């Protein structure tokens, strides 16, 4: 009968929904809890690949452990430190000598000058001198005020003092003013 067919359709939809929710929860459990506030993210599954909505690029991107850190740090900069999303660029092309590379997050001031570079690493990547050297290469031409390296568990923020040729490690992230 017609009612039987409808019941069967609803039952199949329920099973599919249940499977998708189970898959998302299982996948989310494989994402580490970071040393950042917890944010709500839009996450969807496409052909068994999880994607997370990037609020800066305004699109879904493949969810990896590094992307998980990047998206949470973007929310942190925006919600806790008052940086407008319009002043952020993600995976922006940066030139160093003859090499072209991509910086994870660039933050500009209201005049369009880049004043912060953020390098995001996977939570299981140790932050060391190699990681800091990588962000220093990005800064070679940009000459920003703040360099930030994070793996979601540890966050290092450095303030550049070009006049006195000094680098100061900050204990907290600077607020947007």
Protein backbone atom coordinates (compact mmCIF):
# COMPACT_ATOMS: atom_id res chain seq x y z
CA UNK A 1 0.00 0.00 0.00
CA UNK A 2 0.94 3.67 -0.28
CA UNK A 3 1.39 4.02 3.51
CA UNK A 4 3.71 0.99 3.59
CA UNK A 5 5.90 2.52 0.88
CA UNK A 6 6.04 5.85 2.73
CA UNK A 7 6.94 4.10 6.00
CA UNK A 8 9.69 2.21 4.21
CA UNK A 9 11.02 5.47 2.69
CA UNK A 10 11.09 7.14 6.11
CA UNK A 11 12.79 4.12 7.62
CA UNK A 12 15.51 4.19 4.92
CA UNK A 13 15.96 7.95 5.34
CA UNK A 14 16.24 7.41 9.11
CA UNK A 15 18.92 4.72 8.61
CA UNK A 16 20.87 6.91 6.19
CA UNK A 17 20.64 9.88 8.54
CA UNK A 18 21.77 7.68 11.41
CA UNK A 19 24.72 6.43 9.35
CA UNK A 20 25.78 9.96 8.37
CA UNK A 21 25.58 11.17 11.98
CA UNK A 22 27.56 8.12 13.15
CA UNK A 23 30.20 8.78 10.46
CA UNK A 24 30.50 12.45 11.45
CA UNK A 25 30.77 11.65 15.15
CA UNK A 26 33.35 8.94 14.51
CA UNK A 27 35.38 11.31 12.33
CA UNK A 28 35.11 14.15 14.84
CA UNK A 29 36.43 11.87 17.57
CA UNK A 30 39.59 11.53 15.48
CA UNK A 31 40.05 15.30 15.59
CA UNK A 32 41.94 16.36 18.69
CA UNK A 33 40.61 18.75 21.28
CA UNK A 34 42.78 21.83 20.92
CA UNK A 35 44.14 24.30 23.43
CA UNK A 36 41.67 26.88 22.13
CA UNK A 37 38.08 27.75 22.98
CA UNK A 38 35.54 25.37 21.44
CA UNK A 39 33.74 26.75 18.39
CA UNK A 40 30.79 25.56 16.34
CA UNK A 41 31.81 24.60 12.82
CA UNK A 42 29.82 23.66 9.76
CA UNK A 43 31.07 20.21 8.74
CA UNK A 44 29.73 18.00 6.00
CA UNK A 45 30.64 14.71 4.40
CA UNK A 46 31.07 14.49 0.63
CA UNK A 47 31.95 11.09 -0.85
CA UNK A 48 33.30 9.89 2.52
CA UNK A 49 35.50 13.01 2.89
CA UNK A 50 34.80 15.49 5.63
CA UNK A 51 34.77 19.17 4.73
CA UNK A 52 34.74 22.16 7.05
CA UNK A 53 33.36 25.58 6.22
CA UNK A 54 36.07 28.25 6.05
CA UNK A 55 34.49 31.51 7.24
CA UNK A 56 37.24 33.58 5.57
CA UNK A 57 37.20 31.95 2.12
CA UNK A 58 33.43 31.43 2.46
CA UNK A 59 33.54 27.85 1.18
CA UNK A 60 33.93 24.26 2.32
CA UNK A 61 37.47 22.86 2.33
CA UNK A 62 38.86 19.37 2.98
CA UNK A 63 39.14 18.72 6.71
CA UNK A 64 42.62 17.61 7.76
CA UNK A 65 44.27 17.95 11.16
CA UNK A 66 46.11 21.08 9.98
CA UNK A 67 42.87 22.53 8.58
CA UNK A 68 41.19 21.81 11.93
CA UNK A 69 43.88 23.93 13.64
CA UNK A 70 43.61 26.68 11.00
CA UNK A 71 39.82 26.95 11.24
CA UNK A 72 39.85 27.00 15.04
CA UNK A 73 42.61 29.63 15.06
CA UNK A 74 40.66 31.79 12.61
CA UNK A 75 37.68 31.65 15.00
CA UNK A 76 40.02 32.44 17.91
CA UNK A 77 41.46 35.51 16.15
CA UNK A 78 37.99 36.69 15.17
CA UNK A 79 35.95 35.94 18.30
CA UNK A 80 38.49 36.30 21.12
CA UNK A 81 40.86 38.89 19.64
CA UNK A 82 38.39 40.94 17.57
CA UNK A 83 40.13 40.59 14.19
CA UNK A 84 37.59 41.22 11.40
CA UNK A 85 37.24 38.36 8.93
CA UNK A 86 37.61 40.87 6.08
CA UNK A 87 41.20 41.58 7.18
CA UNK A 88 42.21 37.89 6.98
CA UNK A 89 43.52 35.92 4.02
CA UNK A 90 43.93 32.13 4.06
CA UNK A 91 46.54 30.20 2.07
CA UNK A 92 47.71 33.40 0.45
CA UNK A 93 50.59 33.30 -2.01
CA UNK A 94 53.83 34.67 -0.54
CA UNK A 95 57.10 35.09 -2.45
CA UNK A 96 60.46 34.31 -0.88
CA UNK A 97 63.45 34.78 -3.20
CA UNK A 98 62.32 32.92 -6.34
CA UNK A 99 60.02 30.55 -4.48
CA UNK A 100 56.25 30.90 -4.29
CA UNK A 101 54.66 29.46 -1.18
CA UNK A 102 51.39 29.84 0.71
CA UNK A 103 51.00 31.37 4.15
CA UNK A 104 48.28 29.77 6.29
CA UNK A 105 46.76 33.02 7.59
CA UNK A 106 47.70 36.61 6.82
CA UNK A 107 46.08 39.38 8.84
CA UNK A 108 46.10 42.95 7.57
CA UNK A 109 45.51 46.27 9.26
CA UNK A 110 42.62 48.50 8.17
CA UNK A 111 44.86 50.04 5.49
CA UNK A 112 45.54 46.69 3.82
CA UNK A 113 49.09 46.25 5.12
CA UNK A 114 49.83 42.71 6.32
CA UNK A 115 50.80 42.91 10.00
CA UNK A 116 50.51 39.27 11.13
CA UNK A 117 51.48 35.92 9.67
CA UNK A 118 50.08 32.75 11.26
CA UNK A 119 51.62 29.37 10.47
CA UNK A 120 49.39 26.43 11.43
CA UNK A 121 50.66 22.91 11.94
CA UNK A 122 48.95 19.64 12.71
CA UNK A 123 48.50 19.03 16.47
CA UNK A 124 51.02 16.19 16.40
CA UNK A 125 53.71 18.39 14.80
CA UNK A 126 56.26 19.71 17.28
CA UNK A 127 56.88 23.43 17.10
CA UNK A 128 60.62 23.94 16.78
CA UNK A 129 63.23 26.14 15.13
CA UNK A 130 62.40 24.66 11.70
CA UNK A 131 58.77 25.77 12.04
CA UNK A 132 59.84 29.24 13.15
CA UNK A 133 62.33 29.45 10.27
CA UNK A 134 59.48 28.67 7.87
CA UNK A 135 57.44 31.63 9.07
CA UNK A 136 60.55 33.82 9.09
CA UNK A 137 60.96 33.04 5.35
CA UNK A 138 57.40 34.24 4.74
CA UNK A 139 58.27 37.43 6.59
CA UNK A 140 61.41 38.10 4.54
CA UNK A 141 59.56 40.44 2.15
CA UNK A 142 56.45 41.23 4.20
CA UNK A 143 58.13 42.63 7.34
CA UNK A 144 55.06 42.17 9.56
CA UNK A 145 54.71 43.19 13.19
CA UNK A 146 53.58 39.78 14.52
CA UNK A 147 54.61 36.21 13.71
CA UNK A 148 52.47 33.39 15.12
CA UNK A 149 53.11 29.65 15.03
CA UNK A 150 50.51 27.21 16.34
CA UNK A 151 49.75 23.51 16.30
CA UNK A 152 46.52 24.08 18.20
CA UNK A 153 48.10 22.86 21.41
CA UNK A 154 50.90 25.41 21.70
CA UNK A 155 50.87 28.95 20.34
CA UNK A 156 53.96 31.11 19.96
CA UNK A 157 53.54 34.79 19.14
CA UNK A 158 56.51 37.01 18.37
CA UNK A 159 56.55 40.79 18.03
CA UNK A 160 59.10 42.07 15.57
CA UNK A 161 61.07 45.20 16.50
CA UNK A 162 62.88 46.13 13.29
CA UNK A 163 64.23 49.44 14.63
CA UNK A 164 66.15 47.76 17.48
CA UNK A 165 66.66 44.47 15.56
CA UNK A 166 64.88 42.53 18.28
CA UNK A 167 62.24 39.79 18.47
CA UNK A 168 60.03 39.66 21.56
CA UNK A 169 58.02 36.59 22.47
CA UNK A 170 54.59 37.64 23.71
CA UNK A 171 52.69 35.72 26.38
CA UNK A 172 49.30 36.53 24.85
CA UNK A 173 47.98 37.21 21.38
CA UNK A 174 47.59 40.90 20.53
CA UNK A 175 44.04 42.19 20.30
CA UNK A 176 42.85 43.92 17.15
CA UNK A 177 42.61 47.66 17.73
